[in-house]
Amino acid sequence: MSEETEIAFAEELSKNKDQWVAIHESGETETIVGSGSSAVESYARSRSKGFYETVLFKVLPARQD
């Protein structure tokens, strides 16, 4: 994945703070295909779009040191 692509993906993730996201991986490309307040909601949204094999995780807010 190029640095430019990684930055764009990180920016997309930052829009989902405190949310669960479903990520679809295809080759070296990762795409957010669902999000929600719970893992179940995120997965349901990804399934409704036809994505059944996803990686789920919660996006935590940035640390304030």
PDB file of N, CA and C in Angstrom:
ATOM      1  N   MET A   1       0.853  -1.168   0.000  1.00  0.00           N
ATOM      2  CA  MET A   1       0.000   0.000   0.000  1.00  0.00           C
ATOM      3  C   MET A   1       0.902   1.234   0.000  1.00  0.00           C
ATOM      4  N   SER A   2       0.605   2.176  -0.850  1.00  0.00           N
ATOM      5  CA  SER A   2       1.423   3.383  -0.930  1.00  0.00           C
ATOM      6  C   SER A   2       1.176   4.284   0.283  1.00  0.00           C
ATOM      7  N   GLU A   3       2.106   5.158   0.535  1.00  0.00           N
ATOM      8  CA  GLU A   3       1.968   6.080   1.669  1.00  0.00           C
ATOM      9  C   GLU A   3       0.732   6.960   1.491  1.00  0.00           C
ATOM     10  N   GLU A   4       0.487   7.382   0.269  1.00  0.00           N
ATOM     11  CA  GLU A   4      -0.682   8.221  -0.024  1.00  0.00           C
ATOM     12  C   GLU A   4      -1.984   7.477   0.289  1.00  0.00           C
ATOM     13  N   THR A   5      -2.032   6.199  -0.068  1.00  0.00           N
ATOM     14  CA  THR A   5      -3.208   5.377   0.197  1.00  0.00           C
ATOM     15  C   THR A   5      -3.387   5.168   1.695  1.00  0.00           C
ATOM     16  N   GLU A   6      -2.288   4.951   2.404  1.00  0.00           N
ATOM     17  CA  GLU A   6      -2.355   4.771   3.853  1.00  0.00           C
ATOM     18  C   GLU A   6      -2.878   6.027   4.539  1.00  0.00           C
ATOM     19  N   ILE A   7      -2.433   7.189   4.086  1.00  0.00           N
ATOM     20  CA  ILE A   7      -2.901   8.448   4.664  1.00  0.00           C
ATOM     21  C   ILE A   7      -4.389   8.630   4.420  1.00  0.00           C
ATOM     22  N   ALA A   8      -4.846   8.349   3.209  1.00  0.00           N
ATOM     23  CA  ALA A   8      -6.270   8.466   2.884  1.00  0.00           C
ATOM     24  C   ALA A   8      -7.101   7.510   3.740  1.00  0.00           C
ATOM     25  N   PHE A   9      -6.598   6.289   3.949  1.00  0.00           N
ATOM     26  CA  PHE A   9      -7.318   5.312   4.776  1.00  0.00           C
ATOM     27  C   PHE A   9      -7.375   5.795   6.229  1.00  0.00           C
ATOM     28  N   ALA A  10      -6.274   6.327   6.743  1.00  0.00           N
ATOM     29  CA  ALA A  10      -6.245   6.848   8.120  1.00  0.00           C
ATOM     30  C   ALA A  10      -7.230   8.006   8.281  1.00  0.00           C
ATOM     31  N   GLU A  11      -7.348   8.853   7.272  1.00  0.00           N
ATOM     32  CA  GLU A  11      -8.308   9.959   7.321  1.00  0.00           C
ATOM     33  C   GLU A  11      -9.740   9.433   7.357  1.00  0.00           C
ATOM     34  N   GLU A  12     -10.024   8.383   6.584  1.00  0.00           N
ATOM     35  CA  GLU A  12     -11.352   7.776   6.605  1.00  0.00           C
ATOM     36  C   GLU A  12     -11.645   7.175   7.986  1.00  0.00           C
ATOM     37  N   LEU A  13     -10.650   6.498   8.560  1.00  0.00           N
ATOM     38  CA  LEU A  13     -10.833   5.927   9.893  1.00  0.00           C
ATOM     39  C   LEU A  13     -11.125   7.007  10.926  1.00  0.00           C
ATOM     40  N   SER A  14     -10.459   8.145  10.817  1.00  0.00           N
ATOM     41  CA  SER A  14     -10.643   9.215  11.800  1.00  0.00           C
ATOM     42  C   SER A  14     -12.074   9.758  11.796  1.00  0.00           C
ATOM     43  N   LYS A  15     -12.812   9.538  10.732  1.00  0.00           N
ATOM     44  CA  LYS A  15     -14.214   9.961  10.664  1.00  0.00           C
ATOM     45  C   LYS A  15     -15.119   9.028  11.458  1.00  0.00           C
ATOM     46  N   ASN A  16     -14.564   7.922  11.955  1.00  0.00           N
ATOM     47  CA  ASN A  16     -15.350   6.910  12.658  1.00  0.00           C
ATOM     48  C   ASN A  16     -14.896   6.729  14.101  1.00  0.00           C
ATOM     49  N   LYS A  17     -14.472   7.802  14.759  1.00  0.00           N
ATOM     50  CA  LYS A  17     -14.026   7.721  16.143  1.00  0.00           C
ATOM     51  C   LYS A  17     -15.121   7.151  17.024  1.00  0.00           C
ATOM     52  N   ASP A  18     -14.729   6.260  17.942  1.00  0.00           N
ATOM     53  CA  ASP A  18     -15.648   5.594  18.872  1.00  0.00           C
ATOM     54  C   ASP A  18     -16.690   4.740  18.163  1.00  0.00           C
ATOM     55  N   GLN A  19     -16.422   4.340  16.942  1.00  0.00           N
ATOM     56  CA  GLN A  19     -17.322   3.477  16.174  1.00  0.00           C
ATOM     57  C   GLN A  19     -16.623   2.159  15.860  1.00  0.00           C
ATOM     58  N   TRP A  20     -17.421   1.145  15.630  1.00  0.00           N
ATOM     59  CA  TRP A  20     -16.914  -0.116  15.102  1.00  0.00           C
ATOM     60  C   TRP A  20     -16.933  -0.011  13.591  1.00  0.00           C
ATOM     61  N   VAL A  21     -15.899  -0.502  12.945  1.00  0.00           N
ATOM     62  CA  VAL A  21     -15.844  -0.490  11.485  1.00  0.00           C
ATOM     63  C   VAL A  21     -15.626  -1.898  10.960  1.00  0.00           C
ATOM     64  N   ALA A  22     -16.162  -2.144   9.780  1.00  0.00           N
ATOM     65  CA  ALA A  22     -15.943  -3.396   9.058  1.00  0.00           C
ATOM     66  C   ALA A  22     -15.059  -3.053   7.869  1.00  0.00           C
ATOM     67  N   ILE A  23     -13.938  -3.760   7.758  1.00  0.00           N
ATOM     68  CA  ILE A  23     -12.969  -3.515   6.702  1.00  0.00           C
ATOM     69  C   ILE A  23     -12.960  -4.712   5.751  1.00  0.00           C
ATOM     70  N   HIS A  24     -13.033  -4.421   4.456  1.00  0.00           N
ATOM     71  CA  HIS A  24     -12.901  -5.457   3.434  1.00  0.00           C
ATOM     72  C   HIS A  24     -11.504  -5.340   2.842  1.00  0.00           C
ATOM     73  N   GLU A  25     -10.794  -6.461   2.820  1.00  0.00           N
ATOM     74  CA  GLU A  25      -9.449  -6.483   2.258  1.00  0.00           C
ATOM     75  C   GLU A  25      -9.469  -7.204   0.916  1.00  0.00           C
ATOM     76  N   SER A  26      -8.898  -6.557  -0.076  1.00  0.00           N
ATOM     77  CA  SER A  26      -8.796  -7.146  -1.408  1.00  0.00           C
ATOM     78  C   SER A  26      -7.398  -6.850  -1.932  1.00  0.00           C
ATOM     79  N   GLY A  27      -6.568  -7.887  -1.971  1.00  0.00           N
ATOM     80  CA  GLY A  27      -5.174  -7.654  -2.347  1.00  0.00           C
ATOM     81  C   GLY A  27      -4.522  -6.782  -1.300  1.00  0.00           C
ATOM     82  N   GLU A  28      -3.985  -5.660  -1.728  1.00  0.00           N
ATOM     83  CA  GLU A  28      -3.365  -4.727  -0.789  1.00  0.00           C
ATOM     84  C   GLU A  28      -4.274  -3.546  -0.470  1.00  0.00           C
ATOM     85  N   THR A  29      -5.528  -3.626  -0.887  1.00  0.00           N
ATOM     86  CA  THR A  29      -6.473  -2.542  -0.667  1.00  0.00           C
ATOM     87  C   THR A  29      -7.395  -2.864   0.496  1.00  0.00           C
ATOM     88  N   GLU A  30      -7.581  -1.891   1.378  1.00  0.00           N
ATOM     89  CA  GLU A  30      -8.511  -2.011   2.498  1.00  0.00           C
ATOM     90  C   GLU A  30      -9.572  -0.930   2.348  1.00  0.00           C
ATOM     91  N   THR A  31     -10.845  -1.329   2.497  1.00  0.00           N
ATOM     92  CA  THR A  31     -11.948  -0.401   2.331  1.00  0.00           C
ATOM     93  C   THR A  31     -12.905  -0.540   3.499  1.00  0.00           C
ATOM     94  N   ILE A  32     -13.352   0.575   4.057  1.00  0.00           N
ATOM     95  CA  ILE A  32     -14.376   0.546   5.102  1.00  0.00           C
ATOM     96  C   ILE A  32     -15.708   0.288   4.416  1.00  0.00           C
ATOM     97  N   VAL A  33     -16.353  -0.824   4.783  1.00  0.00           N
ATOM     98  CA  VAL A  33     -17.612  -1.199   4.134  1.00  0.00           C
ATOM     99  C   VAL A  33     -18.804  -1.149   5.082  1.00  0.00           C
ATOM    100  N   GLY A  34     -18.560  -0.809   6.344  1.00  0.00           N
ATOM    101  CA  GLY A  34     -19.646  -0.677   7.305  1.00  0.00           C
ATOM    102  C   GLY A  34     -19.126  -0.076   8.588  1.00  0.00           C
ATOM    103  N   SER A  35     -19.993   0.641   9.295  1.00  0.00           N
ATOM    104  CA  SER A  35     -19.628   1.189  10.595  1.00  0.00           C
ATOM    105  C   SER A  35     -20.880   1.320  11.438  1.00  0.00           C
ATOM    106  N   GLY A  36     -20.670   1.382  12.748  1.00  0.00           N
ATOM    107  CA  GLY A  36     -21.795   1.515  13.651  1.00  0.00           C
ATOM    108  C   GLY A  36     -21.332   1.564  15.095  1.00  0.00           C
ATOM    109  N   SER A  37     -22.280   1.725  15.998  1.00  0.00           N
ATOM    110  CA  SER A  37     -21.943   1.853  17.414  1.00  0.00           C
ATOM    111  C   SER A  37     -21.602   0.514  18.057  1.00  0.00           C
ATOM    112  N   SER A  38     -21.855  -0.585  17.356  1.00  0.00           N
ATOM    113  CA  SER A  38     -21.505  -1.916  17.868  1.00  0.00           C
ATOM    114  C   SER A  38     -20.926  -2.740  16.724  1.00  0.00           C
ATOM    115  N   ALA A  39     -20.226  -3.800  17.095  1.00  0.00           N
ATOM    116  CA  ALA A  39     -19.676  -4.695  16.081  1.00  0.00           C
ATOM    117  C   ALA A  39     -20.800  -5.345  15.278  1.00  0.00           C
ATOM    118  N   VAL A  40     -21.891  -5.678  15.948  1.00  0.00           N
ATOM    119  CA  VAL A  40     -23.036  -6.314  15.275  1.00  0.00           C
ATOM    120  C   VAL A  40     -23.623  -5.375  14.227  1.00  0.00           C
ATOM    121  N   GLU A  41     -23.791  -4.110  14.587  1.00  0.00           N
ATOM    122  CA  GLU A  41     -24.345  -3.128  13.647  1.00  0.00           C
ATOM    123  C   GLU A  41     -23.400  -2.920  12.451  1.00  0.00           C
ATOM    124  N   SER A  42     -22.121  -2.818  12.734  1.00  0.00           N
ATOM    125  CA  SER A  42     -21.141  -2.633  11.670  1.00  0.00           C
ATOM    126  C   SER A  42     -21.149  -3.817  10.707  1.00  0.00           C
ATOM    127  N   TYR A  43     -21.165  -5.021  11.271  1.00  0.00           N
ATOM    128  CA  TYR A  43     -21.167  -6.223  10.425  1.00  0.00           C
ATOM    129  C   TYR A  43     -22.462  -6.317   9.615  1.00  0.00           C
ATOM    130  N   ALA A  44     -23.586  -5.979  10.218  1.00  0.00           N
ATOM    131  CA  ALA A  44     -24.866  -6.013   9.500  1.00  0.00           C
ATOM    132  C   ALA A  44     -24.853  -5.046   8.318  1.00  0.00           C
ATOM    133  N   ARG A  45     -24.272  -3.888   8.516  1.00  0.00           N
ATOM    134  CA  ARG A  45     -24.201  -2.907   7.420  1.00  0.00           C
ATOM    135  C   ARG A  45     -23.294  -3.407   6.294  1.00  0.00           C
ATOM    136  N   SER A  46     -22.196  -4.062   6.662  1.00  0.00           N
ATOM    137  CA  SER A  46     -21.310  -4.591   5.621  1.00  0.00           C
ATOM    138  C   SER A  46     -21.991  -5.733   4.863  1.00  0.00           C
ATOM    139  N   ARG A  47     -22.724  -6.578   5.578  1.00  0.00           N
ATOM    140  CA  ARG A  47     -23.444  -7.682   4.928  1.00  0.00           C
ATOM    141  C   ARG A  47     -24.520  -7.159   3.972  1.00  0.00           C
ATOM    142  N   SER A  48     -25.183  -6.069   4.367  1.00  0.00           N
ATOM    143  CA  SER A  48     -26.234  -5.516   3.502  1.00  0.00           C
ATOM    144  C   SER A  48     -25.661  -4.994   2.184  1.00  0.00           C
ATOM    145  N   LYS A  49     -24.355  -4.745   2.175  1.00  0.00           N
ATOM    146  CA  LYS A  49     -23.675  -4.293   0.958  1.00  0.00           C
ATOM    147  C   LYS A  49     -23.022  -5.455   0.211  1.00  0.00           C
ATOM    148  N   GLY A  50     -23.194  -6.677   0.740  1.00  0.00           N
ATOM    149  CA  GLY A  50     -22.662  -7.852   0.065  1.00  0.00           C
ATOM    150  C   GLY A  50     -21.278  -8.286   0.526  1.00  0.00           C
ATOM    151  N   PHE A  51     -20.780  -7.721   1.616  1.00  0.00           N
ATOM    152  CA  PHE A  51     -19.465  -8.084   2.142  1.00  0.00           C
ATOM    153  C   PHE A  51     -19.642  -8.987   3.356  1.00  0.00           C
ATOM    154  N   TYR A  52     -19.289 -10.260   3.211  1.00  0.00           N
ATOM    155  CA  TYR A  52     -19.509 -11.238   4.274  1.00  0.00           C
ATOM    156  C   TYR A  52     -18.232 -11.587   5.029  1.00  0.00           C
ATOM    157  N   GLU A  53     -17.089 -11.340   4.435  1.00  0.00           N
ATOM    158  CA  GLU A  53     -15.818 -11.610   5.104  1.00  0.00           C
ATOM    159  C   GLU A  53     -15.111 -10.284   5.339  1.00  0.00           C
ATOM    160  N   THR A  54     -15.216  -9.799   6.565  1.00  0.00           N
ATOM    161  CA  THR A  54     -14.646  -8.504   6.917  1.00  0.00           C
ATOM    162  C   THR A  54     -13.841  -8.618   8.203  1.00  0.00           C
ATOM    163  N   VAL A  55     -13.035  -7.629   8.435  1.00  0.00           N
ATOM    164  CA  VAL A  55     -12.306  -7.488   9.695  1.00  0.00           C
ATOM    165  C   VAL A  55     -13.022  -6.401  10.487  1.00  0.00           C
ATOM    166  N   LEU A  56     -13.359  -6.696  11.736  1.00  0.00           N
ATOM    167  CA  LEU A  56     -14.067  -5.724  12.579  1.00  0.00           C
ATOM    168  C   LEU A  56     -13.145  -5.213  13.672  1.00  0.00           C
ATOM    169  N   PHE A  57     -13.198  -3.917  13.922  1.00  0.00           N
ATOM    170  CA  PHE A  57     -12.487  -3.370  15.081  1.00  0.00           C
ATOM    171  C   PHE A  57     -13.058  -2.010  15.442  1.00  0.00           C
ATOM    172  N   LYS A  58     -12.801  -1.599  16.689  1.00  0.00           N
ATOM    173  CA  LYS A  58     -13.287  -0.314  17.160  1.00  0.00           C
ATOM    174  C   LYS A  58     -12.206   0.736  16.961  1.00  0.00           C
ATOM    175  N   VAL A  59     -12.612   1.883  16.415  1.00  0.00           N
ATOM    176  CA  VAL A  59     -11.696   3.000  16.205  1.00  0.00           C
ATOM    177  C   VAL A  59     -11.705   3.847  17.481  1.00  0.00           C
ATOM    178  N   LEU A  60     -10.582   3.876  18.152  1.00  0.00           N
ATOM    179  CA  LEU A  60     -10.474   4.653  19.390  1.00  0.00           C
ATOM    180  C   LEU A  60     -10.090   6.088  19.084  1.00  0.00           C
ATOM    181  N   PRO A  61     -10.503   7.015  19.964  1.00  0.00           N
ATOM    182  CA  PRO A  61     -10.100   8.405  19.749  1.00  0.00           C
ATOM    183  C   PRO A  61      -8.588   8.536  19.894  1.00  0.00           C
ATOM    184  N   ALA A  62      -8.027   9.561  19.280  1.00  0.00           N
ATOM    185  CA  ALA A  62      -6.587   9.809  19.374  1.00  0.00           C
ATOM    186  C   ALA A  62      -6.210  10.101  20.821  1.00  0.00           C
ATOM    187  N   ARG A  63      -5.024   9.639  21.200  1.00  0.00           N
ATOM    188  CA  ARG A  63      -4.544   9.871  22.569  1.00  0.00           C
ATOM    189  C   ARG A  63      -4.213  11.354  22.758  1.00  0.00           C
ATOM    190  N   GLN A  64      -4.521  11.844  23.917  1.00  0.00           N
ATOM    191  CA  GLN A  64      -4.211  13.235  24.284  1.00  0.00           C
ATOM    192  C   GLN A  64      -3.106  13.203  25.327  1.00  0.00           C
ATOM    193  N   ASP A  65      -1.861  13.211  24.894  1.00  0.00           N
ATOM    194  CA  ASP A  65      -0.731  13.161  25.854  1.00  0.00           C
ATOM    195  C   ASP A  65      -0.400  14.517  26.400  1.00  0.00           C
TER     196      ASP A  65
END
